[in-house]
Amino acid sequence: MHYLRSIIFDAAVVILTVVVSLSVPFMALFKASSATVRAVSQVWVNGILFLMKYVIGLDYRVEGREHVPDGPCIIACNHQSLWETAALCVIFPDASIVAKKELRKLPMVGWFLEHYPMILVDRSAGRHALRQMVDEAKHAVGEGRQVLLFPQGTRQAIDEPVRFQSAGISALYTNLDVPVVPAACNSGLFWGKKTLIMHPGTITLSFLPPIAPGLPRKEFQEKMERMIAEEASRLLMVSEAKVSR
């Protein structure tokens, strides 16, 4: 049944994507504003979460929303599946998301990434990429927007040790002078990195107390990594305990 529901979900997402993509030529022709592009993107990501809920039976809940400040900040979340990308876009519709530049090559998705605008990082460019990322993030913060990134760099399965690529988040923390809100989720229990099959249940996304600016770089890295890793472990243990009952 899970396999069949996953196939139906995938087919529905393809149809949704095709329908939304019909807007791209018109937005390109009339040079749509970033706000318009983000509004159309919201139709897509909300549609994906809607299909997850009613086709798969996969819903989510948010803990610790009170830890997210009203003004600009950096959201640093663990990365277990594609779910958190969609969910965080819904929760923070105006956020500027740090993503790898290779995603620009994806049909339609690449156009939306470029015009959202997101912060597209060429990971092979080294220090130049970091400087570009910081400059674009400063612009987003200056507009009062949040900056969202996944400091693990890529999706990691729940049975893999939590590994971080902290150069990017540390550069942002050092240069932006805004708080970092660590976050963790357990989406990998329901939508694993190594499978297309999704399982019903309730994903938990937990926001943790913000880390104020001003800490030494190494101390910040260690604190952020510890907070995310411990919360991700807690969410997995709580969820597995519920399943075993």
C-alpha atoms as a PDB file:
ATOM      1  CA  MET A   1       0.000   0.000   0.000  1.00  0.00           C
ATOM      2  CA  HIS A   2       2.844   2.420   0.849  1.00  0.00           C
ATOM      3  CA  TYR A   3       4.411   1.678  -2.542  1.00  0.00           C
ATOM      4  CA  LEU A   4       1.147   2.371  -4.390  1.00  0.00           C
ATOM      5  CA  ARG A   5       0.522   5.590  -2.462  1.00  0.00           C
ATOM      6  CA  SER A   6       4.075   6.727  -3.228  1.00  0.00           C
ATOM      7  CA  ILE A   7       3.536   6.122  -6.958  1.00  0.00           C
ATOM      8  CA  ILE A   8       0.276   8.102  -6.878  1.00  0.00           C
ATOM      9  CA  PHE A   9       2.030  10.896  -4.970  1.00  0.00           C
ATOM     10  CA  ASP A  10       4.900  11.047  -7.478  1.00  0.00           C
ATOM     11  CA  ALA A  11       2.470  11.173 -10.401  1.00  0.00           C
ATOM     12  CA  ALA A  12       0.443  13.928  -8.732  1.00  0.00           C
ATOM     13  CA  VAL A  13       3.599  15.967  -8.057  1.00  0.00           C
ATOM     14  CA  VAL A  14       4.577  15.677 -11.731  1.00  0.00           C
ATOM     15  CA  ILE A  15       1.142  16.972 -12.771  1.00  0.00           C
ATOM     16  CA  LEU A  16       1.340  19.794 -10.213  1.00  0.00           C
ATOM     17  CA  THR A  17       4.812  20.724 -11.438  1.00  0.00           C
ATOM     18  CA  VAL A  18       3.694  20.818 -15.078  1.00  0.00           C
ATOM     19  CA  VAL A  19       0.725  23.037 -14.197  1.00  0.00           C
ATOM     20  CA  VAL A  20       2.859  25.464 -12.174  1.00  0.00           C
ATOM     21  CA  SER A  21       5.536  25.504 -14.885  1.00  0.00           C
ATOM     22  CA  LEU A  22       2.991  26.914 -17.343  1.00  0.00           C
ATOM     23  CA  SER A  23       3.363  30.211 -15.494  1.00  0.00           C
ATOM     24  CA  VAL A  24       7.102  30.454 -16.167  1.00  0.00           C
ATOM     25  CA  PRO A  25       6.949  31.820 -19.759  1.00  0.00           C
ATOM     26  CA  PHE A  26       4.503  34.526 -18.666  1.00  0.00           C
ATOM     27  CA  MET A  27       6.580  35.507 -15.630  1.00  0.00           C
ATOM     28  CA  ALA A  28       9.721  35.595 -17.769  1.00  0.00           C
ATOM     29  CA  LEU A  29       7.992  37.622 -20.510  1.00  0.00           C
ATOM     30  CA  PHE A  30       6.580  40.203 -18.118  1.00  0.00           C
ATOM     31  CA  LYS A  31       9.667  40.187 -15.865  1.00  0.00           C
ATOM     32  CA  ALA A  32       7.771  39.182 -12.752  1.00  0.00           C
ATOM     33  CA  SER A  33       9.054  40.517  -9.444  1.00  0.00           C
ATOM     34  CA  SER A  34      10.729  38.272  -6.884  1.00  0.00           C
ATOM     35  CA  ALA A  35       7.615  38.589  -4.718  1.00  0.00           C
ATOM     36  CA  THR A  36       5.473  37.215  -7.563  1.00  0.00           C
ATOM     37  CA  VAL A  37       7.879  34.335  -8.178  1.00  0.00           C
ATOM     38  CA  ARG A  38       7.830  33.477  -4.475  1.00  0.00           C
ATOM     39  CA  ALA A  39       4.010  33.588  -4.456  1.00  0.00           C
ATOM     40  CA  VAL A  40       3.819  31.132  -7.368  1.00  0.00           C
ATOM     41  CA  SER A  41       6.442  28.949  -5.678  1.00  0.00           C
ATOM     42  CA  GLN A  42       4.228  28.844  -2.597  1.00  0.00           C
ATOM     43  CA  VAL A  43       1.457  27.274  -4.677  1.00  0.00           C
ATOM     44  CA  TRP A  44       3.873  24.503  -5.636  1.00  0.00           C
ATOM     45  CA  VAL A  45       5.344  23.738  -2.199  1.00  0.00           C
ATOM     46  CA  ASN A  46       1.971  23.997  -0.454  1.00  0.00           C
ATOM     47  CA  GLY A  47       0.589  21.643  -3.078  1.00  0.00           C
ATOM     48  CA  ILE A  48       3.352  19.134  -2.352  1.00  0.00           C
ATOM     49  CA  LEU A  49       2.654  19.214   1.393  1.00  0.00           C
ATOM     50  CA  PHE A  50      -1.088  18.886   0.674  1.00  0.00           C
ATOM     51  CA  LEU A  51      -0.449  15.761  -1.415  1.00  0.00           C
ATOM     52  CA  MET A  52       1.808  14.324   1.278  1.00  0.00           C
ATOM     53  CA  LYS A  53      -0.939  14.744   3.851  1.00  0.00           C
ATOM     54  CA  TYR A  54      -3.875  13.413   1.851  1.00  0.00           C
ATOM     55  CA  VAL A  55      -2.213  10.850  -0.435  1.00  0.00           C
ATOM     56  CA  ILE A  56       0.540   9.492   1.809  1.00  0.00           C
ATOM     57  CA  GLY A  57      -0.995  10.357   5.184  1.00  0.00           C
ATOM     58  CA  LEU A  58       2.190  12.213   6.123  1.00  0.00           C
ATOM     59  CA  ASP A  59       1.601  15.356   8.178  1.00  0.00           C
ATOM     60  CA  TYR A  60       3.900  17.457  10.356  1.00  0.00           C
ATOM     61  CA  ARG A  61       3.968  19.480  13.530  1.00  0.00           C
ATOM     62  CA  VAL A  62       6.230  22.299  14.655  1.00  0.00           C
ATOM     63  CA  GLU A  63       7.809  22.677  18.093  1.00  0.00           C
ATOM     64  CA  GLY A  64       9.632  25.734  19.428  1.00  0.00           C
ATOM     65  CA  ARG A  65       8.232  28.267  16.963  1.00  0.00           C
ATOM     66  CA  GLU A  66       8.564  30.847  19.751  1.00  0.00           C
ATOM     67  CA  HIS A  67      12.357  30.585  19.437  1.00  0.00           C
ATOM     68  CA  VAL A  68      12.311  32.145  15.962  1.00  0.00           C
ATOM     69  CA  PRO A  69      12.735  35.941  16.206  1.00  0.00           C
ATOM     70  CA  ASP A  70      10.445  38.281  14.306  1.00  0.00           C
ATOM     71  CA  GLY A  71      13.300  39.957  12.457  1.00  0.00           C
ATOM     72  CA  PRO A  72      15.996  38.558  10.176  1.00  0.00           C
ATOM     73  CA  CYS A  73      17.905  35.513  11.371  1.00  0.00           C
ATOM     74  CA  ILE A  74      19.669  32.415  10.088  1.00  0.00           C
ATOM     75  CA  ILE A  75      17.805  29.087  10.214  1.00  0.00           C
ATOM     76  CA  ALA A  76      20.180  26.099  10.316  1.00  0.00           C
ATOM     77  CA  CYS A  77      18.390  22.748   9.970  1.00  0.00           C
ATOM     78  CA  ASN A  78      19.509  19.147   9.647  1.00  0.00           C
ATOM     79  CA  HIS A  79      18.786  17.485   6.293  1.00  0.00           C
ATOM     80  CA  GLN A  80      17.265  13.997   6.033  1.00  0.00           C
ATOM     81  CA  SER A  81      14.863  14.262   3.081  1.00  0.00           C
ATOM     82  CA  LEU A  82      13.344  16.655   0.571  1.00  0.00           C
ATOM     83  CA  TRP A  83      10.462  17.271   2.979  1.00  0.00           C
ATOM     84  CA  GLU A  84      12.217  19.933   5.064  1.00  0.00           C
ATOM     85  CA  THR A  85      13.040  21.959   1.958  1.00  0.00           C
ATOM     86  CA  ALA A  86       9.342  22.218   1.071  1.00  0.00           C
ATOM     87  CA  ALA A  87       8.163  22.675   4.664  1.00  0.00           C
ATOM     88  CA  LEU A  88      10.636  25.421   5.516  1.00  0.00           C
ATOM     89  CA  CYS A  89       9.690  27.280   2.328  1.00  0.00           C
ATOM     90  CA  VAL A  90       6.085  27.247   3.570  1.00  0.00           C
ATOM     91  CA  ILE A  91       6.951  28.263   7.136  1.00  0.00           C
ATOM     92  CA  PHE A  92       9.312  31.029   5.935  1.00  0.00           C
ATOM     93  CA  PRO A  93       7.830  32.112   2.583  1.00  0.00           C
ATOM     94  CA  ASP A  94      10.199  35.074   2.183  1.00  0.00           C
ATOM     95  CA  ALA A  95      13.378  33.305   3.274  1.00  0.00           C
ATOM     96  CA  SER A  96      16.463  33.338   1.097  1.00  0.00           C
ATOM     97  CA  ILE A  97      17.622  29.729   0.848  1.00  0.00           C
ATOM     98  CA  VAL A  98      21.247  28.702   0.382  1.00  0.00           C
ATOM     99  CA  ALA A  99      21.395  25.939  -2.242  1.00  0.00           C
ATOM    100  CA  LYS A 100      24.013  24.329  -4.452  1.00  0.00           C
ATOM    101  CA  LYS A 101      24.437  25.963  -7.850  1.00  0.00           C
ATOM    102  CA  GLU A 102      23.993  22.641  -9.676  1.00  0.00           C
ATOM    103  CA  LEU A 103      20.256  22.791  -8.968  1.00  0.00           C
ATOM    104  CA  ARG A 104      20.005  25.630 -11.484  1.00  0.00           C
ATOM    105  CA  LYS A 105      20.270  23.005 -14.250  1.00  0.00           C
ATOM    106  CA  LEU A 106      16.948  21.397 -13.271  1.00  0.00           C
ATOM    107  CA  PRO A 107      14.093  22.225 -15.667  1.00  0.00           C
ATOM    108  CA  MET A 108      11.724  24.883 -14.271  1.00  0.00           C
ATOM    109  CA  VAL A 109      13.112  24.438 -10.755  1.00  0.00           C
ATOM    110  CA  GLY A 110      16.328  26.135 -11.833  1.00  0.00           C
ATOM    111  CA  TRP A 111      14.431  29.152 -13.158  1.00  0.00           C
ATOM    112  CA  PHE A 112      12.526  29.511  -9.890  1.00  0.00           C
ATOM    113  CA  LEU A 113      15.735  29.196  -7.860  1.00  0.00           C
ATOM    114  CA  GLU A 114      17.382  31.975  -9.833  1.00  0.00           C
ATOM    115  CA  HIS A 115      14.425  34.369  -9.667  1.00  0.00           C
ATOM    116  CA  TYR A 116      13.180  33.554  -6.149  1.00  0.00           C
ATOM    117  CA  PRO A 117      15.943  34.666  -5.492  1.00  0.00           C
ATOM    118  CA  MET A 118      17.905  32.025  -3.646  1.00  0.00           C
ATOM    119  CA  ILE A 119      21.588  32.045  -2.808  1.00  0.00           C
ATOM    120  CA  LEU A 120      23.150  29.604  -5.256  1.00  0.00           C
ATOM    121  CA  VAL A 121      26.622  28.502  -4.188  1.00  0.00           C
ATOM    122  CA  ASP A 122      29.268  27.016  -6.471  1.00  0.00           C
ATOM    123  CA  ARG A 123      30.905  24.662  -4.001  1.00  0.00           C
ATOM    124  CA  SER A 124      33.947  24.240  -6.245  1.00  0.00           C
ATOM    125  CA  ALA A 125      34.746  27.974  -6.098  1.00  0.00           C
ATOM    126  CA  GLY A 126      36.147  27.929  -2.545  1.00  0.00           C
ATOM    127  CA  ARG A 127      36.605  31.303  -0.834  1.00  0.00           C
ATOM    128  CA  HIS A 128      35.040  33.182  -3.733  1.00  0.00           C
ATOM    129  CA  ALA A 129      31.823  31.205  -3.224  1.00  0.00           C
ATOM    130  CA  LEU A 130      31.836  32.038   0.493  1.00  0.00           C
ATOM    131  CA  ARG A 131      32.263  35.762  -0.212  1.00  0.00           C
ATOM    132  CA  GLN A 132      29.443  35.696  -2.752  1.00  0.00           C
ATOM    133  CA  MET A 133      27.184  33.808  -0.336  1.00  0.00           C
ATOM    134  CA  VAL A 134      27.866  36.285   2.469  1.00  0.00           C
ATOM    135  CA  ASP A 135      27.203  39.283   0.190  1.00  0.00           C
ATOM    136  CA  GLU A 136      23.878  37.884  -1.023  1.00  0.00           C
ATOM    137  CA  ALA A 137      22.877  36.891   2.514  1.00  0.00           C
ATOM    138  CA  LYS A 138      23.635  40.436   3.734  1.00  0.00           C
ATOM    139  CA  HIS A 139      21.295  41.738   1.050  1.00  0.00           C
ATOM    140  CA  ALA A 140      18.531  39.363   2.180  1.00  0.00           C
ATOM    141  CA  VAL A 141      18.997  40.341   5.831  1.00  0.00           C
ATOM    142  CA  GLY A 142      18.929  44.002   4.820  1.00  0.00           C
ATOM    143  CA  GLU A 143      15.484  43.358   3.337  1.00  0.00           C
ATOM    144  CA  GLY A 144      14.346  41.852   6.639  1.00  0.00           C
ATOM    145  CA  ARG A 145      14.327  38.271   5.346  1.00  0.00           C
ATOM    146  CA  GLN A 146      15.545  35.076   6.987  1.00  0.00           C
ATOM    147  CA  VAL A 147      18.431  33.079   5.534  1.00  0.00           C
ATOM    148  CA  LEU A 148      17.918  29.321   5.502  1.00  0.00           C
ATOM    149  CA  LEU A 149      20.550  26.654   4.985  1.00  0.00           C
ATOM    150  CA  PHE A 150      21.350  23.028   5.736  1.00  0.00           C
ATOM    151  CA  PRO A 151      24.805  22.952   7.370  1.00  0.00           C
ATOM    152  CA  GLN A 152      25.181  19.228   6.650  1.00  0.00           C
ATOM    153  CA  GLY A 153      25.515  20.202   2.993  1.00  0.00           C
ATOM    154  CA  THR A 154      23.440  17.300   1.689  1.00  0.00           C
ATOM    155  CA  ARG A 155      20.824  14.814   2.818  1.00  0.00           C
ATOM    156  CA  GLN A 156      22.004  12.199   5.312  1.00  0.00           C
ATOM    157  CA  ALA A 157      20.242   8.955   6.170  1.00  0.00           C
ATOM    158  CA  ILE A 158      19.078   8.537   9.763  1.00  0.00           C
ATOM    159  CA  ASP A 159      21.487   5.623  10.284  1.00  0.00           C
ATOM    160  CA  GLU A 160      24.498   7.710   9.216  1.00  0.00           C
ATOM    161  CA  PRO A 161      26.610   9.711  11.688  1.00  0.00           C
ATOM    162  CA  VAL A 162      25.619  13.381  11.637  1.00  0.00           C
ATOM    163  CA  ARG A 163      28.290  15.250   9.683  1.00  0.00           C
ATOM    164  CA  PHE A 164      28.487  19.004   9.187  1.00  0.00           C
ATOM    165  CA  GLN A 165      30.129  21.232   6.601  1.00  0.00           C
ATOM    166  CA  SER A 166      30.289  24.285   8.817  1.00  0.00           C
ATOM    167  CA  ALA A 167      32.351  26.712   6.726  1.00  0.00           C
ATOM    168  CA  GLY A 168      29.249  28.283   5.174  1.00  0.00           C
ATOM    169  CA  ILE A 169      27.158  28.693   8.319  1.00  0.00           C
ATOM    170  CA  SER A 170      30.188  29.954  10.251  1.00  0.00           C
ATOM    171  CA  ALA A 171      30.899  32.587   7.595  1.00  0.00           C
ATOM    172  CA  LEU A 172      27.290  33.761   7.762  1.00  0.00           C
ATOM    173  CA  TYR A 173      27.276  33.822  11.568  1.00  0.00           C
ATOM    174  CA  THR A 174      30.517  35.819  11.681  1.00  0.00           C
ATOM    175  CA  ASN A 175      29.508  38.389   9.067  1.00  0.00           C
ATOM    176  CA  LEU A 176      25.746  38.925   9.366  1.00  0.00           C
ATOM    177  CA  ASP A 177      25.450  39.829  13.063  1.00  0.00           C
ATOM    178  CA  VAL A 178      22.050  38.127  13.419  1.00  0.00           C
ATOM    179  CA  PRO A 179      21.059  35.149  15.604  1.00  0.00           C
ATOM    180  CA  VAL A 180      21.245  31.583  14.339  1.00  0.00           C
ATOM    181  CA  VAL A 181      18.239  29.374  15.103  1.00  0.00           C
ATOM    182  CA  PRO A 182      19.258  25.685  15.096  1.00  0.00           C
ATOM    183  CA  ALA A 183      16.504  23.311  13.971  1.00  0.00           C
ATOM    184  CA  ALA A 184      16.086  19.557  13.662  1.00  0.00           C
ATOM    185  CA  CYS A 185      13.530  17.208  12.149  1.00  0.00           C
ATOM    186  CA  ASN A 186      12.936  13.459  11.881  1.00  0.00           C
ATOM    187  CA  SER A 187      11.663  13.356   8.291  1.00  0.00           C
ATOM    188  CA  GLY A 188      14.069  10.557   7.393  1.00  0.00           C
ATOM    189  CA  LEU A 189      11.936   8.116   9.377  1.00  0.00           C
ATOM    190  CA  PHE A 190       9.126   8.584   6.887  1.00  0.00           C
ATOM    191  CA  TRP A 191      10.937   9.505   3.663  1.00  0.00           C
ATOM    192  CA  GLY A 192      14.400   8.010   3.604  1.00  0.00           C
ATOM    193  CA  LYS A 193      17.319   9.232   1.542  1.00  0.00           C
ATOM    194  CA  LYS A 194      17.773   5.853  -0.132  1.00  0.00           C
ATOM    195  CA  THR A 195      14.159   5.124  -1.097  1.00  0.00           C
ATOM    196  CA  LEU A 196      11.283   6.713  -2.989  1.00  0.00           C
ATOM    197  CA  ILE A 197       8.714   5.013  -0.772  1.00  0.00           C
ATOM    198  CA  MET A 198       7.085   7.312   1.768  1.00  0.00           C
ATOM    199  CA  HIS A 199       5.335   6.252   4.964  1.00  0.00           C
ATOM    200  CA  PRO A 200       2.393   7.810   6.813  1.00  0.00           C
ATOM    201  CA  GLY A 201       2.906   9.490  10.162  1.00  0.00           C
ATOM    202  CA  THR A 202       3.724  12.869  11.646  1.00  0.00           C
ATOM    203  CA  ILE A 203       7.088  14.533  11.094  1.00  0.00           C
ATOM    204  CA  THR A 204       8.321  16.767  13.909  1.00  0.00           C
ATOM    205  CA  LEU A 205      10.249  19.937  13.134  1.00  0.00           C
ATOM    206  CA  SER A 206      11.823  21.458  16.234  1.00  0.00           C
ATOM    207  CA  PHE A 207      13.260  24.975  16.498  1.00  0.00           C
ATOM    208  CA  LEU A 208      15.794  25.461  19.294  1.00  0.00           C
ATOM    209  CA  PRO A 209      16.787  28.575  21.275  1.00  0.00           C
ATOM    210  CA  PRO A 210      18.738  30.990  19.067  1.00  0.00           C
ATOM    211  CA  ILE A 211      22.477  31.427  19.305  1.00  0.00           C
ATOM    212  CA  ALA A 212      23.172  35.141  19.700  1.00  0.00           C
ATOM    213  CA  PRO A 213      25.883  36.729  17.535  1.00  0.00           C
ATOM    214  CA  GLY A 214      29.302  37.369  18.989  1.00  0.00           C
ATOM    215  CA  LEU A 215      30.671  33.938  19.907  1.00  0.00           C
ATOM    216  CA  PRO A 216      34.119  32.896  18.683  1.00  0.00           C
ATOM    217  CA  ARG A 217      33.848  30.941  15.440  1.00  0.00           C
ATOM    218  CA  LYS A 218      34.895  27.563  16.849  1.00  0.00           C
ATOM    219  CA  GLU A 219      32.678  27.891  19.922  1.00  0.00           C
ATOM    220  CA  PHE A 220      29.703  28.736  17.709  1.00  0.00           C
ATOM    221  CA  GLN A 221      30.329  25.754  15.427  1.00  0.00           C
ATOM    222  CA  GLU A 222      30.585  23.317  18.314  1.00  0.00           C
ATOM    223  CA  LYS A 223      27.463  24.679  20.012  1.00  0.00           C
ATOM    224  CA  MET A 224      25.341  24.658  16.857  1.00  0.00           C
ATOM    225  CA  GLU A 225      26.441  21.175  15.798  1.00  0.00           C
ATOM    226  CA  ARG A 226      25.829  19.779  19.285  1.00  0.00           C
ATOM    227  CA  MET A 227      22.359  21.327  19.539  1.00  0.00           C
ATOM    228  CA  ILE A 228      21.219  20.037  16.142  1.00  0.00           C
ATOM    229  CA  ALA A 229      22.710  16.557  16.592  1.00  0.00           C
ATOM    230  CA  GLU A 230      21.245  16.093  20.082  1.00  0.00           C
ATOM    231  CA  GLU A 231      17.785  17.290  19.052  1.00  0.00           C
ATOM    232  CA  ALA A 232      17.782  15.118  15.920  1.00  0.00           C
ATOM    233  CA  SER A 233      18.719  12.116  18.071  1.00  0.00           C
ATOM    234  CA  ARG A 234      15.984  12.942  20.591  1.00  0.00           C
ATOM    235  CA  LEU A 235      13.331  13.189  17.877  1.00  0.00           C
ATOM    236  CA  LEU A 236      14.362   9.842  16.415  1.00  0.00           C
ATOM    237  CA  MET A 237      14.290   8.126  19.810  1.00  0.00           C
ATOM    238  CA  VAL A 238      10.872   9.554  20.700  1.00  0.00           C
ATOM    239  CA  SER A 239       9.403   8.561  17.335  1.00  0.00           C
ATOM    240  CA  GLU A 240      10.859   5.050  17.427  1.00  0.00           C
ATOM    241  CA  ALA A 241       9.554   4.564  20.975  1.00  0.00           C
ATOM    242  CA  LYS A 242       6.042   5.474  19.820  1.00  0.00           C
ATOM    243  CA  VAL A 243       6.249   3.072  16.885  1.00  0.00           C
ATOM    244  CA  SER A 244       7.417   0.190  19.109  1.00  0.00           C
ATOM    245  CA  ARG A 245       4.423   0.476  21.458  1.00  0.00           C
END
